[in-house]
């Protein structure tokens, strides 16, 4: 994850929360703020930069430390905007009233081996002490500059993308968990499977119905499954045998709210039951035990 503030080259009248890696403008100034920076990428190519735009909803009864989805500071102005420029690609993020209490998935496709970015934070209504914010970005390789190798033998591959929280297939128009509420999201686009040899893209395929069952080149590869509003799933060892390969279900995790964490435990047909014990520094409180009789959100 790219924490924007960690790689800044210049900034003014903006602030970051190191616990959440969020960035927003200062609330007690009438002047706009900005943040710009540069980040070196490992290879020259096309990259997907994905992050979320958060607009808190004002609720005076919220906990003092809460920043999203509710906060108890003041209402966010519908005129608050963040203008983004990443490698020359521009977008404007507006904190409209219908976004209050929600987050918006933002994606940029950019070219190069250096990520140059600038965010301008503007609010015409000041002083306002609550503002929309952005969080750290996930940067995913789409392809490098190399052409894929010449075609060879192929074999059938079967792979399915599921929601890591509720296990539902990520199929078009299906309703799945957003990580917090069941059936909160309607899938509006099929997942995408990308197969790589090193950083070179070998194949890129849509997964209609959340499933790919078709021919792919035989060989030793890595794979990525991409889906808007979900973290990219990376499979380091994604080998395709000449007799075909069943890669099974790949759990894709919905994007988290600031300060939250999620642990996903996935296993095969055996053992039939697997319990999870999570020890956390919580003083005298007992460990968190998760099993089929005790399914809890921590």
C-alpha atoms as a PDB file:
ATOM      1  CA  UNK A   1       0.000   0.000   0.000  1.00  0.00           C
ATOM      2  CA  UNK A   2       1.242   3.473  -0.898  1.00  0.00           C
ATOM      3  CA  UNK A   3       0.856   5.963   1.956  1.00  0.00           C
ATOM      4  CA  UNK A   4       0.660   9.279   0.102  1.00  0.00           C
ATOM      5  CA  UNK A   5       2.165  11.327   2.911  1.00  0.00           C
ATOM      6  CA  UNK A   6       5.174   9.035   3.310  1.00  0.00           C
ATOM      7  CA  UNK A   7       6.421   9.869  -0.204  1.00  0.00           C
ATOM      8  CA  UNK A   8       5.498  13.547  -0.351  1.00  0.00           C
ATOM      9  CA  UNK A   9       7.844  16.115  -1.874  1.00  0.00           C
ATOM     10  CA  UNK A  10       5.765  19.132  -0.834  1.00  0.00           C
ATOM     11  CA  UNK A  11       2.575  19.877   1.073  1.00  0.00           C
ATOM     12  CA  UNK A  12       0.685  22.704   2.759  1.00  0.00           C
ATOM     13  CA  UNK A  13      -2.396  22.900   4.962  1.00  0.00           C
ATOM     14  CA  UNK A  14      -3.049  19.141   4.909  1.00  0.00           C
ATOM     15  CA  UNK A  15      -2.722  16.570   7.647  1.00  0.00           C
ATOM     16  CA  UNK A  16      -2.325  12.801   7.824  1.00  0.00           C
ATOM     17  CA  UNK A  17      -3.428  10.311  10.411  1.00  0.00           C
ATOM     18  CA  UNK A  18      -0.516   7.846  10.720  1.00  0.00           C
ATOM     19  CA  UNK A  19      -2.783   5.120  12.116  1.00  0.00           C
ATOM     20  CA  UNK A  20      -5.108   5.219   9.107  1.00  0.00           C
ATOM     21  CA  UNK A  21      -2.719   6.628   6.441  1.00  0.00           C
ATOM     22  CA  UNK A  22      -5.511   9.054   5.596  1.00  0.00           C
ATOM     23  CA  UNK A  23      -4.986  12.567   4.212  1.00  0.00           C
ATOM     24  CA  UNK A  24      -7.337  15.547   4.486  1.00  0.00           C
ATOM     25  CA  UNK A  25      -7.071  19.325   4.568  1.00  0.00           C
ATOM     26  CA  UNK A  26      -6.725  21.253   7.795  1.00  0.00           C
ATOM     27  CA  UNK A  27     -10.040  22.408   9.193  1.00  0.00           C
ATOM     28  CA  UNK A  28      -9.099  25.820  10.568  1.00  0.00           C
ATOM     29  CA  UNK A  29      -7.813  27.634   7.494  1.00  0.00           C
ATOM     30  CA  UNK A  30      -9.486  29.499   4.657  1.00  0.00           C
ATOM     31  CA  UNK A  31      -6.696  28.640   2.220  1.00  0.00           C
ATOM     32  CA  UNK A  32      -6.722  25.480   0.086  1.00  0.00           C
ATOM     33  CA  UNK A  33      -4.259  22.695   0.817  1.00  0.00           C
ATOM     34  CA  UNK A  34      -2.200  20.438  -1.405  1.00  0.00           C
ATOM     35  CA  UNK A  35      -0.013  17.346  -1.308  1.00  0.00           C
ATOM     36  CA  UNK A  36       2.371  16.219  -4.015  1.00  0.00           C
ATOM     37  CA  UNK A  37       4.930  13.449  -4.216  1.00  0.00           C
ATOM     38  CA  UNK A  38       6.784  10.825  -6.243  1.00  0.00           C
ATOM     39  CA  UNK A  39       7.057   7.066  -5.869  1.00  0.00           C
ATOM     40  CA  UNK A  40       9.388   4.778  -7.836  1.00  0.00           C
ATOM     41  CA  UNK A  41       7.767   1.674  -9.310  1.00  0.00           C
ATOM     42  CA  UNK A  42       9.684  -1.595  -9.843  1.00  0.00           C
ATOM     43  CA  UNK A  43       9.125  -1.851 -13.621  1.00  0.00           C
ATOM     44  CA  UNK A  44       8.121   0.411 -16.493  1.00  0.00           C
ATOM     45  CA  UNK A  45       4.589  -0.341 -17.610  1.00  0.00           C
ATOM     46  CA  UNK A  46       0.900   0.265 -17.039  1.00  0.00           C
ATOM     47  CA  UNK A  47      -0.326   0.372 -13.452  1.00  0.00           C
ATOM     48  CA  UNK A  48      -3.655   0.419 -11.665  1.00  0.00           C
ATOM     49  CA  UNK A  49      -3.764   2.851  -8.722  1.00  0.00           C
ATOM     50  CA  UNK A  50      -6.782   2.224  -6.501  1.00  0.00           C
ATOM     51  CA  UNK A  51      -7.827   4.005  -3.325  1.00  0.00           C
ATOM     52  CA  UNK A  52     -11.007   5.132  -1.583  1.00  0.00           C
ATOM     53  CA  UNK A  53     -12.581   8.549  -1.100  1.00  0.00           C
ATOM     54  CA  UNK A  54     -14.374   8.815   2.264  1.00  0.00           C
ATOM     55  CA  UNK A  55     -17.102  11.296   3.198  1.00  0.00           C
ATOM     56  CA  UNK A  56     -17.970  11.075   6.921  1.00  0.00           C
ATOM     57  CA  UNK A  57     -21.526  11.637   8.085  1.00  0.00           C
ATOM     58  CA  UNK A  58     -22.063  14.007  10.992  1.00  0.00           C
ATOM     59  CA  UNK A  59     -23.592  12.417  14.092  1.00  0.00           C
ATOM     60  CA  UNK A  60     -23.193  14.295  17.373  1.00  0.00           C
ATOM     61  CA  UNK A  61     -23.631  11.043  19.312  1.00  0.00           C
ATOM     62  CA  UNK A  62     -20.634   9.346  17.654  1.00  0.00           C
ATOM     63  CA  UNK A  63     -17.607   8.371  19.711  1.00  0.00           C
ATOM     64  CA  UNK A  64     -15.032  11.196  19.867  1.00  0.00           C
ATOM     65  CA  UNK A  65     -12.375   9.066  18.158  1.00  0.00           C
ATOM     66  CA  UNK A  66     -14.659   7.965  15.303  1.00  0.00           C
ATOM     67  CA  UNK A  67     -13.790   9.288  11.834  1.00  0.00           C
ATOM     68  CA  UNK A  68     -15.948   7.059   9.594  1.00  0.00           C
ATOM     69  CA  UNK A  69     -18.706   6.311   8.729  1.00  0.00           C
ATOM     70  CA  UNK A  70     -19.874   8.772  11.392  1.00  0.00           C
ATOM     71  CA  UNK A  71     -18.000  11.523  13.182  1.00  0.00           C
ATOM     72  CA  UNK A  72     -19.014  14.004  15.886  1.00  0.00           C
ATOM     73  CA  UNK A  73     -17.052  17.103  14.776  1.00  0.00           C
ATOM     74  CA  UNK A  74     -19.184  18.889  12.193  1.00  0.00           C
ATOM     75  CA  UNK A  75     -20.962  18.287   8.909  1.00  0.00           C
ATOM     76  CA  UNK A  76     -18.862  17.919   5.755  1.00  0.00           C
ATOM     77  CA  UNK A  77     -19.681  20.543   3.137  1.00  0.00           C
ATOM     78  CA  UNK A  78     -21.137  19.229  -0.103  1.00  0.00           C
ATOM     79  CA  UNK A  79     -18.808  21.708  -1.840  1.00  0.00           C
ATOM     80  CA  UNK A  80     -15.630  20.102  -0.504  1.00  0.00           C
ATOM     81  CA  UNK A  81     -13.546  18.724  -3.397  1.00  0.00           C
ATOM     82  CA  UNK A  82     -10.234  16.959  -3.879  1.00  0.00           C
ATOM     83  CA  UNK A  83      -8.658  17.394  -7.311  1.00  0.00           C
ATOM     84  CA  UNK A  84      -6.321  14.526  -8.195  1.00  0.00           C
ATOM     85  CA  UNK A  85      -3.546  14.363 -10.794  1.00  0.00           C
ATOM     86  CA  UNK A  86      -1.597  11.108 -11.092  1.00  0.00           C
ATOM     87  CA  UNK A  87       0.878  10.942 -13.984  1.00  0.00           C
ATOM     88  CA  UNK A  88      -1.225  13.450 -15.901  1.00  0.00           C
ATOM     89  CA  UNK A  89      -4.548  11.659 -15.372  1.00  0.00           C
ATOM     90  CA  UNK A  90      -6.990  13.994 -13.611  1.00  0.00           C
ATOM     91  CA  UNK A  91     -10.111  13.375 -11.545  1.00  0.00           C
ATOM     92  CA  UNK A  92     -12.191  15.536  -9.194  1.00  0.00           C
ATOM     93  CA  UNK A  93     -13.699  13.979  -6.074  1.00  0.00           C
ATOM     94  CA  UNK A  94     -16.776  15.773  -4.727  1.00  0.00           C
ATOM     95  CA  UNK A  95     -18.291  15.161  -1.304  1.00  0.00           C
ATOM     96  CA  UNK A  96     -21.902  15.186  -2.460  1.00  0.00           C
ATOM     97  CA  UNK A  97     -24.679  14.734   0.069  1.00  0.00           C
ATOM     98  CA  UNK A  98     -25.476  11.185  -1.105  1.00  0.00           C
ATOM     99  CA  UNK A  99     -21.915  10.111  -0.287  1.00  0.00           C
ATOM    100  CA  UNK A 100     -22.139  11.040   3.394  1.00  0.00           C
ATOM    101  CA  UNK A 101     -21.359   7.991   5.478  1.00  0.00           C
ATOM    102  CA  UNK A 102     -20.039   6.160   2.415  1.00  0.00           C
ATOM    103  CA  UNK A 103     -16.820   5.585   0.523  1.00  0.00           C
ATOM    104  CA  UNK A 104     -16.242   5.778  -3.215  1.00  0.00           C
ATOM    105  CA  UNK A 105     -13.808   3.498  -5.053  1.00  0.00           C
ATOM    106  CA  UNK A 106     -11.346   5.531  -7.147  1.00  0.00           C
ATOM    107  CA  UNK A 107      -9.158   4.001  -9.867  1.00  0.00           C
ATOM    108  CA  UNK A 108      -6.448   5.462 -12.098  1.00  0.00           C
ATOM    109  CA  UNK A 109      -4.701   3.636 -14.943  1.00  0.00           C
ATOM    110  CA  UNK A 110      -1.313   5.262 -15.481  1.00  0.00           C
ATOM    111  CA  UNK A 111       1.881   4.649 -17.453  1.00  0.00           C
ATOM    112  CA  UNK A 112       5.536   4.770 -16.410  1.00  0.00           C
ATOM    113  CA  UNK A 113       8.025   3.687 -13.759  1.00  0.00           C
ATOM    114  CA  UNK A 114       7.554   6.723 -11.530  1.00  0.00           C
ATOM    115  CA  UNK A 115       4.290   7.700  -9.897  1.00  0.00           C
ATOM    116  CA  UNK A 116       3.963  11.494  -9.750  1.00  0.00           C
ATOM    117  CA  UNK A 117       0.923  12.709  -7.877  1.00  0.00           C
ATOM    118  CA  UNK A 118      -0.718  15.881  -6.643  1.00  0.00           C
ATOM    119  CA  UNK A 119      -3.905  16.354  -4.632  1.00  0.00           C
ATOM    120  CA  UNK A 120      -5.510  19.781  -4.201  1.00  0.00           C
ATOM    121  CA  UNK A 121      -7.959  20.105  -1.298  1.00  0.00           C
ATOM    122  CA  UNK A 122     -10.549  22.880  -1.614  1.00  0.00           C
ATOM    123  CA  UNK A 123     -13.448  23.895   0.593  1.00  0.00           C
ATOM    124  CA  UNK A 124     -15.362  27.158  -0.055  1.00  0.00           C
ATOM    125  CA  UNK A 125     -17.105  26.957   3.315  1.00  0.00           C
ATOM    126  CA  UNK A 126     -14.676  27.750   6.140  1.00  0.00           C
ATOM    127  CA  UNK A 127     -14.012  27.277   8.871  1.00  0.00           C
ATOM    128  CA  UNK A 128     -15.182  23.687   8.639  1.00  0.00           C
ATOM    129  CA  UNK A 129     -13.423  21.196  10.852  1.00  0.00           C
ATOM    130  CA  UNK A 130     -14.576  17.992   9.166  1.00  0.00           C
ATOM    131  CA  UNK A 131     -13.515  17.196   5.625  1.00  0.00           C
ATOM    132  CA  UNK A 132     -13.538  14.252   3.217  1.00  0.00           C
ATOM    133  CA  UNK A 133     -10.337  12.256   3.043  1.00  0.00           C
ATOM    134  CA  UNK A 134      -8.428   9.726   0.960  1.00  0.00           C
ATOM    135  CA  UNK A 135      -6.527   6.703   2.197  1.00  0.00           C
ATOM    136  CA  UNK A 136      -3.465   4.749   1.078  1.00  0.00           C
ATOM    137  CA  UNK A 137      -3.486   3.322  -2.446  1.00  0.00           C
ATOM    138  CA  UNK A 138      -3.097  -0.211  -3.704  1.00  0.00           C
ATOM    139  CA  UNK A 139      -0.828  -0.235  -6.772  1.00  0.00           C
ATOM    140  CA  UNK A 140      -1.202  -3.212  -9.083  1.00  0.00           C
ATOM    141  CA  UNK A 141       0.757  -4.004 -12.227  1.00  0.00           C
ATOM    142  CA  UNK A 142      -1.384  -4.329 -15.347  1.00  0.00           C
ATOM    143  CA  UNK A 143       1.474  -5.075 -17.738  1.00  0.00           C
ATOM    144  CA  UNK A 144       5.102  -4.221 -18.397  1.00  0.00           C
ATOM    145  CA  UNK A 145       6.458  -3.114 -21.791  1.00  0.00           C
ATOM    146  CA  UNK A 146       7.340  -6.641 -22.964  1.00  0.00           C
ATOM    147  CA  UNK A 147       5.222  -8.485 -25.507  1.00  0.00           C
ATOM    148  CA  UNK A 148       3.896 -11.881 -24.355  1.00  0.00           C
ATOM    149  CA  UNK A 149       5.896 -14.885 -25.591  1.00  0.00           C
ATOM    150  CA  UNK A 150       4.823 -16.803 -28.675  1.00  0.00           C
ATOM    151  CA  UNK A 151       1.876 -19.119 -28.169  1.00  0.00           C
ATOM    152  CA  UNK A 152       2.381 -22.756 -27.220  1.00  0.00           C
ATOM    153  CA  UNK A 153       0.417 -25.580 -25.650  1.00  0.00           C
ATOM    154  CA  UNK A 154      -2.707 -24.703 -23.683  1.00  0.00           C
ATOM    155  CA  UNK A 155      -4.824 -26.486 -21.098  1.00  0.00           C
ATOM    156  CA  UNK A 156      -8.107 -25.903 -19.309  1.00  0.00           C
ATOM    157  CA  UNK A 157      -8.026 -23.815 -16.138  1.00  0.00           C
ATOM    158  CA  UNK A 158     -10.858 -23.516 -13.623  1.00  0.00           C
ATOM    159  CA  UNK A 159     -10.894 -20.727 -11.043  1.00  0.00           C
ATOM    160  CA  UNK A 160     -13.661 -18.925  -9.125  1.00  0.00           C
ATOM    161  CA  UNK A 161     -13.686 -15.557  -7.343  1.00  0.00           C
ATOM    162  CA  UNK A 162     -15.691 -15.314  -4.101  1.00  0.00           C
ATOM    163  CA  UNK A 163     -16.325 -12.660  -1.456  1.00  0.00           C
ATOM    164  CA  UNK A 164     -13.957 -13.393   1.442  1.00  0.00           C
ATOM    165  CA  UNK A 165     -16.575 -12.384   4.026  1.00  0.00           C
ATOM    166  CA  UNK A 166     -19.699 -14.273   2.945  1.00  0.00           C
ATOM    167  CA  UNK A 167     -18.288 -16.769   0.417  1.00  0.00           C
ATOM    168  CA  UNK A 168     -20.673 -15.630  -2.331  1.00  0.00           C
ATOM    169  CA  UNK A 169     -19.554 -15.816  -5.935  1.00  0.00           C
ATOM    170  CA  UNK A 170     -18.570 -12.429  -7.411  1.00  0.00           C
ATOM    171  CA  UNK A 171     -20.944 -12.646 -10.343  1.00  0.00           C
ATOM    172  CA  UNK A 172     -22.529  -9.784 -12.256  1.00  0.00           C
ATOM    173  CA  UNK A 173     -25.646  -8.392 -10.512  1.00  0.00           C
ATOM    174  CA  UNK A 174     -25.078 -10.634  -7.498  1.00  0.00           C
ATOM    175  CA  UNK A 175     -25.429  -9.162  -4.001  1.00  0.00           C
ATOM    176  CA  UNK A 176     -22.483  -9.696  -1.665  1.00  0.00           C
ATOM    177  CA  UNK A 177     -21.153  -8.475   1.660  1.00  0.00           C
ATOM    178  CA  UNK A 178     -19.193  -5.224   1.734  1.00  0.00           C
ATOM    179  CA  UNK A 179     -17.324  -6.549   4.757  1.00  0.00           C
ATOM    180  CA  UNK A 180     -19.751  -4.957   7.205  1.00  0.00           C
ATOM    181  CA  UNK A 181     -23.277  -5.672   6.004  1.00  0.00           C
ATOM    182  CA  UNK A 182     -24.594  -8.732   4.125  1.00  0.00           C
ATOM    183  CA  UNK A 183     -25.802  -8.188   0.552  1.00  0.00           C
ATOM    184  CA  UNK A 184     -24.795  -4.502   0.727  1.00  0.00           C
ATOM    185  CA  UNK A 185     -23.050  -4.415  -2.653  1.00  0.00           C
ATOM    186  CA  UNK A 186     -24.396  -5.294  -6.086  1.00  0.00           C
ATOM    187  CA  UNK A 187     -21.659  -6.544  -8.392  1.00  0.00           C
ATOM    188  CA  UNK A 188     -21.605  -4.317 -11.481  1.00  0.00           C
ATOM    189  CA  UNK A 189     -18.594  -5.794 -13.269  1.00  0.00           C
ATOM    190  CA  UNK A 190     -17.021  -9.230 -13.703  1.00  0.00           C
ATOM    191  CA  UNK A 191     -13.709  -9.969 -11.955  1.00  0.00           C
ATOM    192  CA  UNK A 192     -10.614 -10.081 -14.138  1.00  0.00           C
ATOM    193  CA  UNK A 193      -7.910 -12.757 -14.179  1.00  0.00           C
ATOM    194  CA  UNK A 194      -4.360 -11.774 -15.195  1.00  0.00           C
ATOM    195  CA  UNK A 195      -1.584 -14.325 -15.732  1.00  0.00           C
ATOM    196  CA  UNK A 196       2.074 -13.246 -15.544  1.00  0.00           C
ATOM    197  CA  UNK A 197       5.525 -14.615 -16.284  1.00  0.00           C
ATOM    198  CA  UNK A 198       7.597 -12.400 -14.035  1.00  0.00           C
ATOM    199  CA  UNK A 199       6.190  -8.936 -14.790  1.00  0.00           C
ATOM    200  CA  UNK A 200       5.151  -9.802 -18.368  1.00  0.00           C
ATOM    201  CA  UNK A 201       1.439 -10.204 -18.970  1.00  0.00           C
ATOM    202  CA  UNK A 202       0.679 -13.586 -20.576  1.00  0.00           C
ATOM    203  CA  UNK A 203      -3.109 -13.438 -20.605  1.00  0.00           C
ATOM    204  CA  UNK A 204      -5.916 -11.257 -19.274  1.00  0.00           C
ATOM    205  CA  UNK A 205      -9.409 -12.722 -19.098  1.00  0.00           C
ATOM    206  CA  UNK A 206     -12.796 -11.665 -17.764  1.00  0.00           C
ATOM    207  CA  UNK A 207     -14.522 -14.056 -15.377  1.00  0.00           C
ATOM    208  CA  UNK A 208     -18.238 -14.088 -16.308  1.00  0.00           C
ATOM    209  CA  UNK A 209     -20.318 -15.247 -13.386  1.00  0.00           C
ATOM    210  CA  UNK A 210     -17.205 -14.964 -11.208  1.00  0.00           C
ATOM    211  CA  UNK A 211     -15.745 -18.074 -12.878  1.00  0.00           C
ATOM    212  CA  UNK A 212     -13.095 -18.701 -15.512  1.00  0.00           C
ATOM    213  CA  UNK A 213     -13.175 -22.115 -17.199  1.00  0.00           C
ATOM    214  CA  UNK A 214     -11.247 -22.062 -20.449  1.00  0.00           C
ATOM    215  CA  UNK A 215      -7.842 -22.557 -22.061  1.00  0.00           C
ATOM    216  CA  UNK A 216      -4.652 -20.825 -20.893  1.00  0.00           C
ATOM    217  CA  UNK A 217      -0.977 -21.377 -21.786  1.00  0.00           C
ATOM    218  CA  UNK A 218       0.816 -24.205 -19.999  1.00  0.00           C
ATOM    219  CA  UNK A 219       3.673 -23.158 -17.717  1.00  0.00           C
ATOM    220  CA  UNK A 220       4.787 -21.743 -14.382  1.00  0.00           C
ATOM    221  CA  UNK A 221       3.139 -18.394 -13.728  1.00  0.00           C
ATOM    222  CA  UNK A 222       1.759 -16.062 -11.099  1.00  0.00           C
ATOM    223  CA  UNK A 223      -1.832 -14.804 -11.194  1.00  0.00           C
ATOM    224  CA  UNK A 224      -3.796 -11.805 -10.029  1.00  0.00           C
ATOM    225  CA  UNK A 225      -7.540 -11.382  -9.660  1.00  0.00           C
ATOM    226  CA  UNK A 226      -8.717  -7.762  -9.842  1.00  0.00           C
ATOM    227  CA  UNK A 227     -12.112  -6.379  -8.866  1.00  0.00           C
ATOM    228  CA  UNK A 228     -13.304  -2.851  -8.109  1.00  0.00           C
ATOM    229  CA  UNK A 229     -13.958  -2.314  -4.358  1.00  0.00           C
ATOM    230  CA  UNK A 230     -11.921  -5.418  -3.479  1.00  0.00           C
ATOM    231  CA  UNK A 231      -8.224  -5.829  -2.734  1.00  0.00           C
ATOM    232  CA  UNK A 232      -6.307  -7.526  -5.552  1.00  0.00           C
ATOM    233  CA  UNK A 233      -5.755 -11.234  -4.891  1.00  0.00           C
ATOM    234  CA  UNK A 234      -2.216 -12.395  -5.756  1.00  0.00           C
ATOM    235  CA  UNK A 235      -1.380 -16.058  -6.348  1.00  0.00           C
ATOM    236  CA  UNK A 236       2.403 -16.417  -6.408  1.00  0.00           C
ATOM    237  CA  UNK A 237       2.396 -20.033  -7.623  1.00  0.00           C
ATOM    238  CA  UNK A 238      -0.205 -20.270 -10.361  1.00  0.00           C
ATOM    239  CA  UNK A 239       1.141 -23.159 -12.431  1.00  0.00           C
ATOM    240  CA  UNK A 240      -0.875 -24.540 -15.322  1.00  0.00           C
ATOM    241  CA  UNK A 241      -0.231 -28.208 -16.035  1.00  0.00           C
ATOM    242  CA  UNK A 242      -0.517 -29.801 -19.465  1.00  0.00           C
ATOM    243  CA  UNK A 243      -3.395 -31.885 -18.104  1.00  0.00           C
ATOM    244  CA  UNK A 244      -5.221 -28.787 -16.863  1.00  0.00           C
ATOM    245  CA  UNK A 245      -5.434 -27.076 -13.487  1.00  0.00           C
ATOM    246  CA  UNK A 246      -8.209 -26.477 -10.985  1.00  0.00           C
ATOM    247  CA  UNK A 247      -7.121 -23.409  -9.031  1.00  0.00           C
ATOM    248  CA  UNK A 248     -10.254 -23.494  -6.889  1.00  0.00           C
ATOM    249  CA  UNK A 249     -11.911 -20.634  -5.053  1.00  0.00           C
ATOM    250  CA  UNK A 250      -9.998 -17.398  -4.525  1.00  0.00           C
ATOM    251  CA  UNK A 251     -11.311 -15.261  -1.661  1.00  0.00           C
ATOM    252  CA  UNK A 252     -11.263 -11.546  -2.468  1.00  0.00           C
ATOM    253  CA  UNK A 253     -11.453  -9.180   0.488  1.00  0.00           C
ATOM    254  CA  UNK A 254     -13.695  -6.060   0.376  1.00  0.00           C
ATOM    255  CA  UNK A 255     -11.907  -2.750   0.951  1.00  0.00           C
ATOM    256  CA  UNK A 256     -11.756  -1.903   4.662  1.00  0.00           C
ATOM    257  CA  UNK A 257     -12.763   1.250   6.485  1.00  0.00           C
ATOM    258  CA  UNK A 258      -9.917   3.239   8.091  1.00  0.00           C
ATOM    259  CA  UNK A 259      -8.372   1.569  11.145  1.00  0.00           C
ATOM    260  CA  UNK A 260      -9.973  -1.834  10.512  1.00  0.00           C
ATOM    261  CA  UNK A 261      -8.223  -5.146   9.832  1.00  0.00           C
ATOM    262  CA  UNK A 262      -9.475  -8.435   8.458  1.00  0.00           C
ATOM    263  CA  UNK A 263      -7.975 -11.922   8.683  1.00  0.00           C
ATOM    264  CA  UNK A 264      -9.225 -14.499   6.170  1.00  0.00           C
ATOM    265  CA  UNK A 265      -8.484 -18.177   6.797  1.00  0.00           C
ATOM    266  CA  UNK A 266      -9.064 -20.485   3.842  1.00  0.00           C
ATOM    267  CA  UNK A 267      -8.235 -24.173   3.530  1.00  0.00           C
ATOM    268  CA  UNK A 268      -8.979 -27.222   1.386  1.00  0.00           C
ATOM    269  CA  UNK A 269     -11.161 -30.301   1.753  1.00  0.00           C
ATOM    270  CA  UNK A 270      -9.158 -31.617   4.699  1.00  0.00           C
ATOM    271  CA  UNK A 271      -9.287 -31.182   7.602  1.00  0.00           C
ATOM    272  CA  UNK A 272     -13.053 -30.941   7.752  1.00  0.00           C
ATOM    273  CA  UNK A 273     -12.920 -28.463  10.644  1.00  0.00           C
ATOM    274  CA  UNK A 274     -10.342 -25.845  11.498  1.00  0.00           C
ATOM    275  CA  UNK A 275     -10.630 -23.485  14.465  1.00  0.00           C
ATOM    276  CA  UNK A 276      -8.844 -20.132  14.657  1.00  0.00           C
ATOM    277  CA  UNK A 277      -7.364 -18.693  17.868  1.00  0.00           C
ATOM    278  CA  UNK A 278      -6.428 -15.019  17.811  1.00  0.00           C
ATOM    279  CA  UNK A 279      -4.365 -13.592  20.661  1.00  0.00           C
ATOM    280  CA  UNK A 280      -4.412  -9.815  20.943  1.00  0.00           C
ATOM    281  CA  UNK A 281      -2.968  -7.411  23.539  1.00  0.00           C
ATOM    282  CA  UNK A 282      -6.207  -6.811  25.401  1.00  0.00           C
ATOM    283  CA  UNK A 283      -5.187  -7.096  29.058  1.00  0.00           C
ATOM    284  CA  UNK A 284      -7.259  -9.510  31.077  1.00  0.00           C
ATOM    285  CA  UNK A 285      -9.755 -10.225  28.294  1.00  0.00           C
ATOM    286  CA  UNK A 286      -9.711 -13.823  26.952  1.00  0.00           C
ATOM    287  CA  UNK A 287      -8.393 -14.773  23.521  1.00  0.00           C
ATOM    288  CA  UNK A 288     -10.724 -14.516  20.534  1.00  0.00           C
ATOM    289  CA  UNK A 289     -11.726 -18.001  19.378  1.00  0.00           C
ATOM    290  CA  UNK A 290     -13.515 -18.407  16.061  1.00  0.00           C
ATOM    291  CA  UNK A 291     -15.146 -21.670  14.966  1.00  0.00           C
ATOM    292  CA  UNK A 292     -18.367 -22.787  13.303  1.00  0.00           C
ATOM    293  CA  UNK A 293     -20.252 -22.328  16.599  1.00  0.00           C
ATOM    294  CA  UNK A 294     -18.735 -18.935  17.332  1.00  0.00           C
ATOM    295  CA  UNK A 295     -18.601 -16.798  14.205  1.00  0.00           C
ATOM    296  CA  UNK A 296     -17.769 -13.304  15.355  1.00  0.00           C
ATOM    297  CA  UNK A 297     -16.521 -10.036  13.887  1.00  0.00           C
ATOM    298  CA  UNK A 298     -13.621  -8.616  15.893  1.00  0.00           C
END
